[in-house]
């Protein structure tokens, strides 16, 4: 068996390997190796259509690899940044509530999330007061049953921005920065609620993180 044939088998093996990859960065790395091997094989065996095809695919795979590395770098920075409301403003509507008015009630369907522009709101079940800049309702919107698990009352007159469930889910899939920021926000809330429940000394919840996390307030 000639070295050219072995080169062809090696190139084919790398293509097979790309179909076995479950994550994108390793897939692109192997795809680049495949392009190089097929270019060498095409040149050595005078298969110029193969050589041309992989000469075109090489920079495409290289570009995609760089883009994925940039994405990973951006995502690592995202948890240290606040969720950018400026990017959401075109999709949000303004709502004014009076002191004493309920923003959401326990058991209601979670059909939107909210951003507090000014004023104070209170999560009744937790006796927790939130101030301007707080985002609430995101857990309920993305929860499987989409049900509020706490009541939130306005302690003062409040100006809110609201984002509907459908728009929030569209942005989640279309805007990776928004989706990752929401994910980080939900996780931080669940961890906070977990600690609060454990500090309350509930023996049943102390052993089951999943149960604890499912008891997070309806934000």
Protein backbone atom coordinates (compact mmCIF):
# COMPACT_ATOMS: atom_id res chain seq x y z
CA UNK A 1 0.00 0.00 0.00
CA UNK A 2 1.49 3.33 -1.09
CA UNK A 3 1.91 6.32 1.16
CA UNK A 4 -0.58 8.23 -1.01
CA UNK A 5 -3.26 5.62 -0.28
CA UNK A 6 -2.45 5.78 3.42
CA UNK A 7 -2.76 9.55 3.24
CA UNK A 8 -6.20 9.17 1.69
CA UNK A 9 -7.28 6.78 4.45
CA UNK A 10 -5.99 9.17 7.11
CA UNK A 11 -7.90 12.06 5.55
CA UNK A 12 -11.06 9.94 5.40
CA UNK A 13 -10.59 8.93 9.06
CA UNK A 14 -10.54 12.57 10.13
CA UNK A 15 -13.81 13.18 8.28
CA UNK A 16 -15.33 10.23 10.11
CA UNK A 17 -14.03 11.66 13.39
CA UNK A 18 -15.81 14.98 12.77
CA UNK A 19 -19.15 13.15 12.63
CA UNK A 20 -18.40 11.65 16.05
CA UNK A 21 -17.71 15.00 17.71
CA UNK A 22 -20.32 16.35 20.12
CA UNK A 23 -18.79 19.82 20.65
CA UNK A 24 -17.93 22.43 18.07
CA UNK A 25 -14.37 23.45 18.89
CA UNK A 26 -12.88 19.91 18.70
CA UNK A 27 -14.95 19.35 15.55
CA UNK A 28 -13.43 22.39 13.86
CA UNK A 29 -9.90 21.42 14.91
CA UNK A 30 -10.31 17.94 13.40
CA UNK A 31 -11.97 19.46 10.32
CA UNK A 32 -8.88 21.65 9.81
CA UNK A 33 -6.67 18.56 10.02
CA UNK A 34 -8.95 16.86 7.51
CA UNK A 35 -8.62 19.81 5.12
CA UNK A 36 -4.83 19.72 5.30
CA UNK A 37 -4.70 15.95 4.75
CA UNK A 38 -7.12 16.05 1.83
CA UNK A 39 -5.20 18.92 0.24
CA UNK A 40 -2.00 16.88 0.50
CA UNK A 41 -3.79 13.80 -0.83
CA UNK A 42 -5.36 15.70 -3.71
CA UNK A 43 -2.02 17.23 -4.67
CA UNK A 44 -0.11 13.95 -4.43
CA UNK A 45 -2.66 11.95 -6.42
CA UNK A 46 -3.50 14.78 -8.84
CA UNK A 47 -7.10 15.00 -7.57
CA UNK A 48 -7.39 18.72 -8.14
CA UNK A 49 -11.15 19.03 -7.44
CA UNK A 50 -10.48 17.51 -3.99
CA UNK A 51 -7.53 19.86 -3.51
CA UNK A 52 -9.63 22.90 -4.53
CA UNK A 53 -12.58 21.94 -2.31
CA UNK A 54 -10.47 21.61 0.83
CA UNK A 55 -8.43 24.69 -0.01
CA UNK A 56 -11.75 26.57 0.18
CA UNK A 57 -12.95 24.74 3.31
CA UNK A 58 -9.71 25.36 5.21
CA UNK A 59 -10.20 29.13 5.78
CA UNK A 60 -13.92 28.55 6.42
CA UNK A 61 -13.16 26.10 9.24
CA UNK A 62 -10.39 28.35 10.55
CA UNK A 63 -12.78 31.31 10.68
CA UNK A 64 -15.46 29.28 12.49
CA UNK A 65 -12.86 28.05 15.00
CA UNK A 66 -11.78 31.62 15.77
CA UNK A 67 -15.42 32.66 16.15
CA UNK A 68 -16.09 29.87 18.65
CA UNK A 69 -12.99 30.78 20.67
CA UNK A 70 -14.19 34.38 20.76
CA UNK A 71 -17.64 33.21 21.86
CA UNK A 72 -16.16 31.19 24.73
CA UNK A 73 -14.08 34.20 25.78
CA UNK A 74 -17.14 36.48 25.72
CA UNK A 75 -19.19 34.00 27.73
CA UNK A 76 -16.48 33.81 30.38
CA UNK A 77 -16.67 37.57 30.76
CA UNK A 78 -20.47 37.74 30.82
CA UNK A 79 -20.99 36.64 34.47
CA UNK A 80 -19.00 39.67 35.61
CA UNK A 81 -21.25 42.02 33.68
CA UNK A 82 -24.80 43.15 34.32
CA UNK A 83 -27.52 42.10 31.94
CA UNK A 84 -27.62 44.91 29.39
CA UNK A 85 -31.08 46.48 29.51
CA UNK A 86 -30.15 48.84 26.68
CA UNK A 87 -30.12 45.90 24.29
CA UNK A 88 -33.58 44.85 25.48
CA UNK A 89 -35.28 48.25 25.34
CA UNK A 90 -36.60 47.86 21.77
CA UNK A 91 -38.48 44.74 22.89
CA UNK A 92 -39.81 45.98 26.25
CA UNK A 93 -42.83 48.05 27.15
CA UNK A 94 -43.19 50.48 30.03
CA UNK A 95 -45.62 49.89 32.88
CA UNK A 96 -46.42 52.03 35.93
CA UNK A 97 -47.72 50.55 39.18
CA UNK A 98 -48.92 52.26 42.32
CA UNK A 99 -47.77 51.58 45.87
CA UNK A 100 -49.51 48.51 47.26
CA UNK A 101 -50.30 47.07 43.82
CA UNK A 102 -49.29 43.47 43.09
CA UNK A 103 -46.82 42.97 40.27
CA UNK A 104 -47.33 39.19 40.27
CA UNK A 105 -49.21 36.79 42.54
CA UNK A 106 -48.32 33.29 43.60
CA UNK A 107 -49.91 30.69 41.37
CA UNK A 108 -50.39 32.99 38.38
CA UNK A 109 -49.05 32.08 34.97
CA UNK A 110 -45.59 33.53 34.36
CA UNK A 111 -46.04 35.23 31.00
CA UNK A 112 -43.43 38.02 31.25
CA UNK A 113 -40.35 39.23 33.09
CA UNK A 114 -39.80 42.69 34.56
CA UNK A 115 -37.08 45.27 35.06
CA UNK A 116 -37.51 47.82 37.85
CA UNK A 117 -36.62 51.33 36.66
CA UNK A 118 -37.35 53.07 39.95
CA UNK A 119 -39.16 52.40 43.21
CA UNK A 120 -39.17 49.42 45.58
CA UNK A 121 -40.81 46.01 45.32
CA UNK A 122 -41.07 43.25 47.92
CA UNK A 123 -41.06 39.48 47.50
CA UNK A 124 -43.64 38.67 50.17
CA UNK A 125 -42.73 35.04 50.83
CA UNK A 126 -39.08 35.98 51.40
CA UNK A 127 -39.69 39.34 53.05
CA UNK A 128 -37.08 40.68 50.62
CA UNK A 129 -37.06 44.20 49.19
CA UNK A 130 -35.66 44.87 45.71
CA UNK A 131 -34.63 48.27 44.39
CA UNK A 132 -34.10 49.98 41.03
CA UNK A 133 -32.09 47.85 38.61
CA UNK A 134 -33.60 44.55 39.73
CA UNK A 135 -34.90 42.08 37.19
CA UNK A 136 -37.68 39.75 38.33
CA UNK A 137 -39.87 37.09 36.77
CA UNK A 138 -37.24 35.34 34.67
CA UNK A 139 -37.38 32.05 36.57
CA UNK A 140 -41.12 31.69 36.09
CA UNK A 141 -40.89 32.52 32.39
CA UNK A 142 -38.33 29.78 31.74
CA UNK A 143 -39.71 27.23 34.23
CA UNK A 144 -41.45 24.14 32.76
CA UNK A 145 -44.80 24.87 34.43
CA UNK A 146 -44.49 28.68 33.98
CA UNK A 147 -46.13 29.32 37.34
CA UNK A 148 -45.32 32.07 39.82
CA UNK A 149 -44.17 30.71 43.15
CA UNK A 150 -44.26 33.98 45.09
CA UNK A 151 -46.14 37.26 45.27
CA UNK A 152 -44.39 40.56 44.55
CA UNK A 153 -45.92 43.81 45.82
CA UNK A 154 -44.91 47.41 45.06
CA UNK A 155 -43.84 49.14 48.26
CA UNK A 156 -43.75 52.48 46.44
CA UNK A 157 -44.92 53.82 43.09
CA UNK A 158 -42.87 51.92 40.54
CA UNK A 159 -41.91 52.30 36.92
CA UNK A 160 -41.26 48.98 35.25
CA UNK A 161 -40.18 47.62 31.90
CA UNK A 162 -41.71 44.28 30.90
CA UNK A 163 -40.72 41.70 28.35
CA UNK A 164 -43.25 39.11 27.20
CA UNK A 165 -42.54 35.41 27.42
CA UNK A 166 -42.48 34.94 23.65
CA UNK A 167 -40.02 37.79 23.10
CA UNK A 168 -37.84 36.64 26.00
CA UNK A 169 -37.58 33.14 24.53
CA UNK A 170 -36.88 34.51 21.05
CA UNK A 171 -34.05 36.63 22.45
CA UNK A 172 -32.75 33.65 24.42
CA UNK A 173 -32.18 31.69 21.20
CA UNK A 174 -31.21 34.62 18.97
CA UNK A 175 -28.94 36.61 21.31
CA UNK A 176 -26.33 34.41 22.96
CA UNK A 177 -25.22 37.18 25.36
CA UNK A 178 -28.79 37.64 26.60
CA UNK A 179 -29.32 33.89 26.92
CA UNK A 180 -26.12 33.36 28.87
CA UNK A 181 -26.77 36.35 31.13
CA UNK A 182 -30.27 35.09 31.92
CA UNK A 183 -28.85 31.65 32.68
CA UNK A 184 -26.30 33.14 35.07
CA UNK A 185 -28.99 35.29 36.71
CA UNK A 186 -31.29 32.31 37.27
CA UNK A 187 -28.48 30.20 38.69
CA UNK A 188 -27.38 32.97 41.07
CA UNK A 189 -30.97 33.35 42.29
CA UNK A 190 -31.33 29.60 42.85
CA UNK A 191 -28.04 29.45 44.76
CA UNK A 192 -29.14 32.40 46.88
CA UNK A 193 -32.49 30.76 47.65
CA UNK A 194 -30.74 27.47 48.39
CA UNK A 195 -28.53 29.15 51.00
CA UNK A 196 -31.51 30.95 52.52
CA UNK A 197 -33.50 27.74 52.90
CA UNK A 198 -30.53 25.88 54.34
CA UNK A 199 -29.95 28.67 56.86
CA UNK A 200 -33.60 28.34 57.84
CA UNK A 201 -32.71 24.82 58.95
CA UNK A 202 -35.12 22.77 56.84
CA UNK A 203 -33.92 19.13 57.23
CA UNK A 204 -35.76 17.87 54.17
CA UNK A 205 -34.41 20.54 51.85
CA UNK A 206 -30.89 20.36 53.16
CA UNK A 207 -30.30 17.02 51.45
CA UNK A 208 -31.94 17.71 48.10
CA UNK A 209 -30.61 20.54 45.98
CA UNK A 210 -33.13 19.85 43.23
CA UNK A 211 -36.02 20.28 45.64
CA UNK A 212 -34.48 23.41 47.07
CA UNK A 213 -33.93 24.91 43.65
CA UNK A 214 -37.45 24.18 42.55
CA UNK A 215 -38.66 26.28 45.47
CA UNK A 216 -37.06 29.49 44.14
CA UNK A 217 -39.19 32.65 44.26
CA UNK A 218 -41.28 33.59 41.25
CA UNK A 219 -39.00 36.09 39.72
